[in-house]
């Protein structure tokens, strides 16, 4: 037997055992698993950002377990099982890749994405945006919205035009800021949306970029705190100018270690 099939079969067997014999596993429902799955997904995302392949291996395994768990519950409710789930995704992939399994020609990534969105509209979807989950984090959601509409040609011609839009949104925000208007929040959202759009044009994933910047700030701030303590100072009694001296020291030290 293929080692991959053997390993997957082993996981299915273990899931059957746990569902039958383990008090905790027996109590789980779709609803109780949901927050745990979200947590596991974020842990996988952290491993990717950290480029920690050893941890990534474990996190992928955790998500495999969750998927198998959902299939087991679906089977118990006579709604679906792992076989129908896997056959369903296989059928979908074949249908949406006619350039591989049919006569359609698509030689570039952009052609593939365009075909993908057009095929989904023939499957009964009324909007290309139907596949964007409502609960996605806003930054990720903005990226997915823009990628979706790009698939049907709703896209700027070049990055210079997109950057002009960023500058336009910045100016509009400044105007509203000066007027102290209730429209400030809306204009700020427009800035972020346009920056996400520009990031796509220069091949930057904005979610990953912000995640790395967040981690960089955390590392630098924690090091600053340690430096202040080691020097016998109290961060709570320091002003910004005093803290900024340590901030610069932490910045230089981390740069020297490439962290």
Protein backbone atom coordinates (compact mmCIF):
# COMPACT_ATOMS: atom_id res chain seq x y z
CA UNK A 1 0.00 0.00 0.00
CA UNK A 2 1.09 3.57 -0.72
CA UNK A 3 2.67 4.94 2.47
CA UNK A 4 0.52 8.05 2.21
CA UNK A 5 -2.68 6.01 2.12
CA UNK A 6 -1.43 3.84 4.96
CA UNK A 7 -0.69 6.87 7.15
CA UNK A 8 -4.06 8.44 6.38
CA UNK A 9 -5.84 5.16 7.09
CA UNK A 10 -4.05 4.98 10.43
CA UNK A 11 -5.33 8.44 11.36
CA UNK A 12 -8.89 7.43 10.43
CA UNK A 13 -8.64 4.32 12.60
CA UNK A 14 -7.31 6.30 15.56
CA UNK A 15 -10.15 8.81 15.13
CA UNK A 16 -12.68 5.98 15.25
CA UNK A 17 -11.08 4.69 18.46
CA UNK A 18 -11.00 8.09 20.14
CA UNK A 19 -14.59 8.88 19.24
CA UNK A 20 -15.72 5.59 20.73
CA UNK A 21 -13.52 5.35 23.83
CA UNK A 22 -12.17 8.78 24.90
CA UNK A 23 -14.48 10.79 27.20
CA UNK A 24 -13.25 14.12 25.81
CA UNK A 25 -13.42 13.15 22.14
CA UNK A 26 -16.87 11.63 22.58
CA UNK A 27 -18.25 14.96 23.81
CA UNK A 28 -16.99 17.12 20.94
CA UNK A 29 -19.37 18.69 18.43
CA UNK A 30 -18.94 20.83 15.33
CA UNK A 31 -19.51 23.89 17.51
CA UNK A 32 -16.98 22.94 20.22
CA UNK A 33 -14.31 22.12 17.65
CA UNK A 34 -14.71 25.39 15.77
CA UNK A 35 -12.73 27.68 18.14
CA UNK A 36 -10.05 25.01 18.52
CA UNK A 37 -9.67 24.79 14.75
CA UNK A 38 -9.33 28.56 14.49
CA UNK A 39 -6.62 28.48 17.16
CA UNK A 40 -4.77 25.68 15.37
CA UNK A 41 -4.94 27.62 12.11
CA UNK A 42 -3.33 30.65 13.73
CA UNK A 43 -0.62 28.45 15.21
CA UNK A 44 0.10 27.11 11.73
CA UNK A 45 0.21 30.70 10.43
CA UNK A 46 2.72 31.61 13.17
CA UNK A 47 4.94 28.68 12.19
CA UNK A 48 4.92 29.87 8.57
CA UNK A 49 5.81 33.46 9.53
CA UNK A 50 8.64 32.15 11.76
CA UNK A 51 9.78 29.75 9.01
CA UNK A 52 9.75 27.06 11.70
CA UNK A 53 9.37 23.95 9.54
CA UNK A 54 9.57 21.57 12.49
CA UNK A 55 6.62 23.30 14.17
CA UNK A 56 4.83 23.59 10.83
CA UNK A 57 4.90 19.82 10.44
CA UNK A 58 3.16 19.40 13.79
CA UNK A 59 0.59 22.13 13.11
CA UNK A 60 -0.34 20.55 9.77
CA UNK A 61 -0.89 17.28 11.61
CA UNK A 62 -3.17 19.02 14.12
CA UNK A 63 -5.27 20.43 11.29
CA UNK A 64 -5.43 17.04 9.59
CA UNK A 65 -6.84 15.67 12.84
CA UNK A 66 -9.47 18.39 12.96
CA UNK A 67 -10.57 17.73 9.39
CA UNK A 68 -10.88 14.02 10.09
CA UNK A 69 -12.80 14.83 13.30
CA UNK A 70 -15.33 16.93 11.36
CA UNK A 71 -15.75 14.12 8.85
CA UNK A 72 -16.37 11.64 11.67
CA UNK A 73 -19.09 13.84 13.16
CA UNK A 74 -20.61 14.34 9.71
CA UNK A 75 -20.69 10.58 9.24
CA UNK A 76 -22.46 10.11 12.59
CA UNK A 77 -25.07 12.65 11.54
CA UNK A 78 -25.42 10.94 8.15
CA UNK A 79 -24.61 14.23 6.42
CA UNK A 80 -21.21 13.40 4.86
CA UNK A 81 -18.12 11.32 5.51
CA UNK A 82 -14.43 11.48 4.69
CA UNK A 83 -14.98 9.62 1.40
CA UNK A 84 -17.62 12.04 0.13
CA UNK A 85 -15.56 15.02 1.30
CA UNK A 86 -12.42 13.87 -0.52
CA UNK A 87 -14.32 12.88 -3.66
CA UNK A 88 -16.06 16.25 -3.57
CA UNK A 89 -12.84 18.23 -3.55
CA UNK A 90 -11.34 15.97 -6.23
CA UNK A 91 -14.37 16.53 -8.49
CA UNK A 92 -14.20 20.28 -7.88
CA UNK A 93 -10.49 20.44 -8.73
CA UNK A 94 -10.98 18.51 -11.95
CA UNK A 95 -13.93 20.71 -12.95
CA UNK A 96 -12.06 23.92 -12.20
CA UNK A 97 -8.87 22.90 -14.00
CA UNK A 98 -10.07 22.33 -17.57
CA UNK A 99 -6.59 23.33 -18.79
CA UNK A 100 -5.35 20.11 -17.17
CA UNK A 101 -8.32 17.77 -17.46
CA UNK A 102 -10.01 19.25 -20.53
CA UNK A 103 -9.38 21.20 -23.73
CA UNK A 104 -9.10 24.72 -22.28
CA UNK A 105 -5.79 26.50 -22.84
CA UNK A 106 -4.27 28.45 -19.93
CA UNK A 107 -0.52 28.95 -19.94
CA UNK A 108 -0.18 31.67 -17.29
CA UNK A 109 -1.20 32.02 -13.65
CA UNK A 110 -3.47 34.95 -14.52
CA UNK A 111 -5.32 32.93 -17.17
CA UNK A 112 -5.83 30.12 -14.67
CA UNK A 113 -7.28 32.50 -12.07
CA UNK A 114 -9.56 34.14 -14.62
CA UNK A 115 -10.89 30.77 -15.75
CA UNK A 116 -11.37 29.74 -12.12
CA UNK A 117 -13.65 32.72 -11.39
CA UNK A 118 -15.64 32.29 -14.61
CA UNK A 119 -16.20 28.59 -13.88
CA UNK A 120 -17.47 29.36 -10.38
CA UNK A 121 -20.08 31.71 -11.87
CA UNK A 122 -21.34 28.84 -14.04
CA UNK A 123 -21.76 26.74 -10.87
CA UNK A 124 -24.60 28.93 -9.67
CA UNK A 125 -22.74 31.67 -7.83
CA UNK A 126 -24.31 35.07 -8.45
CA UNK A 127 -21.23 37.09 -7.52
CA UNK A 128 -17.49 36.52 -7.74
CA UNK A 129 -17.34 37.74 -4.14
CA UNK A 130 -19.55 34.99 -2.74
CA UNK A 131 -16.52 32.89 -1.89
CA UNK A 132 -15.03 35.50 0.45
CA UNK A 133 -15.79 34.44 4.06
CA UNK A 134 -17.58 37.14 6.05
CA UNK A 135 -15.51 36.46 9.17
CA UNK A 136 -12.07 36.83 7.58
CA UNK A 137 -9.76 39.34 9.29
CA UNK A 138 -10.14 42.67 7.51
CA UNK A 139 -6.63 42.75 6.01
CA UNK A 140 -6.93 39.25 4.57
CA UNK A 141 -10.46 39.96 3.40
CA UNK A 142 -9.39 43.08 1.50
CA UNK A 143 -6.71 41.07 -0.28
CA UNK A 144 -9.13 38.28 -1.21
CA UNK A 145 -11.75 40.77 -2.48
CA UNK A 146 -9.19 42.40 -4.74
CA UNK A 147 -7.89 39.06 -6.01
CA UNK A 148 -11.43 37.91 -6.76
CA UNK A 149 -12.41 40.93 -8.84
CA UNK A 150 -9.06 40.86 -10.60
CA UNK A 151 -9.99 37.41 -11.87
CA UNK A 152 -12.70 38.91 -14.08
CA UNK A 153 -10.60 41.89 -15.21
CA UNK A 154 -11.69 44.52 -12.66
CA UNK A 155 -8.15 45.72 -12.09
CA UNK A 156 -5.88 48.74 -12.43
CA UNK A 157 -3.55 48.79 -15.43
CA UNK A 158 -0.31 49.47 -13.55
CA UNK A 159 1.12 50.10 -10.09
CA UNK A 160 1.63 53.81 -10.77
CA UNK A 161 -2.12 54.30 -11.08
CA UNK A 162 -2.64 52.39 -7.85
CA UNK A 163 -0.08 54.55 -6.04
CA UNK A 164 -1.83 57.66 -7.29
CA UNK A 165 -4.99 56.26 -5.69
CA UNK A 166 -3.14 55.79 -2.40
CA UNK A 167 -2.03 59.42 -2.47
CA UNK A 168 -5.56 60.52 -3.33
CA UNK A 169 -6.97 58.61 -0.35
CA UNK A 170 -4.29 60.07 1.95
CA UNK A 171 -5.24 63.58 0.89
CA UNK A 172 -8.93 62.90 1.41
CA UNK A 173 -8.19 61.59 4.90
CA UNK A 174 -6.13 64.69 5.69
CA UNK A 175 -8.99 66.92 4.59
CA UNK A 176 -11.46 65.05 6.80
CA UNK A 177 -8.96 65.09 9.68
CA UNK A 178 -8.67 68.86 9.49
CA UNK A 179 -12.47 69.16 9.44
CA UNK A 180 -12.69 66.71 12.37
CA UNK A 181 -15.42 64.93 10.46
CA UNK A 182 -17.19 61.67 11.21
CA UNK A 183 -15.96 60.55 7.78
CA UNK A 184 -12.41 60.09 9.09
CA UNK A 185 -12.89 56.40 9.82
CA UNK A 186 -14.26 55.74 6.34
CA UNK A 187 -11.41 57.63 4.70
CA UNK A 188 -8.85 55.77 6.82
CA UNK A 189 -10.40 52.48 5.68
CA UNK A 190 -10.03 53.66 2.08
CA UNK A 191 -6.32 54.29 2.70
CA UNK A 192 -5.79 50.79 4.03
CA UNK A 193 -7.75 49.23 1.16
CA UNK A 194 -5.71 51.14 -1.42
CA UNK A 195 -2.44 50.19 0.30
CA UNK A 196 -3.46 46.53 0.23
CA UNK A 197 -4.15 46.95 -3.47
CA UNK A 198 -0.71 48.49 -4.07
CA UNK A 199 0.93 45.70 -2.09
CA UNK A 200 -0.50 43.17 -4.54
CA UNK A 201 1.02 45.07 -7.45
CA UNK A 202 4.49 44.90 -5.91
CA UNK A 203 4.10 41.25 -4.85
CA UNK A 204 3.87 41.87 -1.11
CA UNK A 205 1.42 39.94 1.03
CA UNK A 206 0.13 42.70 3.35
CA UNK A 207 -0.98 40.28 6.08
CA UNK A 208 2.45 38.65 6.22
CA UNK A 209 4.19 42.02 6.06
CA UNK A 210 2.17 43.39 8.98
CA UNK A 211 2.61 40.17 10.97
CA UNK A 212 6.38 40.42 10.59
CA UNK A 213 6.35 44.09 11.57
CA UNK A 214 4.25 43.26 14.65
CA UNK A 215 6.75 40.60 15.67
CA UNK A 216 9.66 42.95 15.04
CA UNK A 217 8.06 45.55 17.31
CA UNK A 218 7.38 42.93 20.01
CA UNK A 219 10.99 41.71 19.92
CA UNK A 220 12.38 45.24 20.08
CA UNK A 221 10.02 46.41 22.83
CA UNK A 222 10.73 43.37 25.03
CA UNK A 223 14.47 43.87 24.59
CA UNK A 224 14.04 47.54 25.51
CA UNK A 225 12.19 46.51 28.66
CA UNK A 226 15.01 44.11 29.59
CA UNK A 227 17.64 46.80 29.02
CA UNK A 228 15.75 49.24 31.23
CA UNK A 229 15.43 46.67 34.03
CA UNK A 230 19.09 45.66 33.78
CA UNK A 231 20.06 49.33 34.12
CA UNK A 232 17.99 49.62 37.29
CA UNK A 233 15.43 52.01 35.80
CA UNK A 234 11.63 51.85 36.04
CA UNK A 235 9.84 52.04 32.71
CA UNK A 236 6.68 53.33 34.39
CA UNK A 237 8.46 56.47 35.60
CA UNK A 238 10.25 57.24 32.33
CA UNK A 239 9.14 59.72 29.69
CA UNK A 240 9.11 59.01 25.95
CA UNK A 241 12.48 60.66 25.31
CA UNK A 242 14.15 58.50 27.98
CA UNK A 243 12.56 55.32 26.66
CA UNK A 244 13.54 56.26 23.12
CA UNK A 245 17.22 56.05 24.06
CA UNK A 246 16.75 52.39 25.01
CA UNK A 247 14.55 51.82 21.96
CA UNK A 248 17.39 52.87 19.67
CA UNK A 249 19.84 50.63 21.56
CA UNK A 250 17.47 47.67 21.19
CA UNK A 251 17.03 48.43 17.50
CA UNK A 252 20.78 48.43 16.90
CA UNK A 253 21.33 45.22 18.86
CA UNK A 254 18.60 43.33 17.00
CA UNK A 255 19.85 44.58 13.65
CA UNK A 256 23.30 43.26 14.48
CA UNK A 257 21.81 39.82 15.14
CA UNK A 258 19.41 40.01 12.13
CA UNK A 259 16.33 39.50 14.33
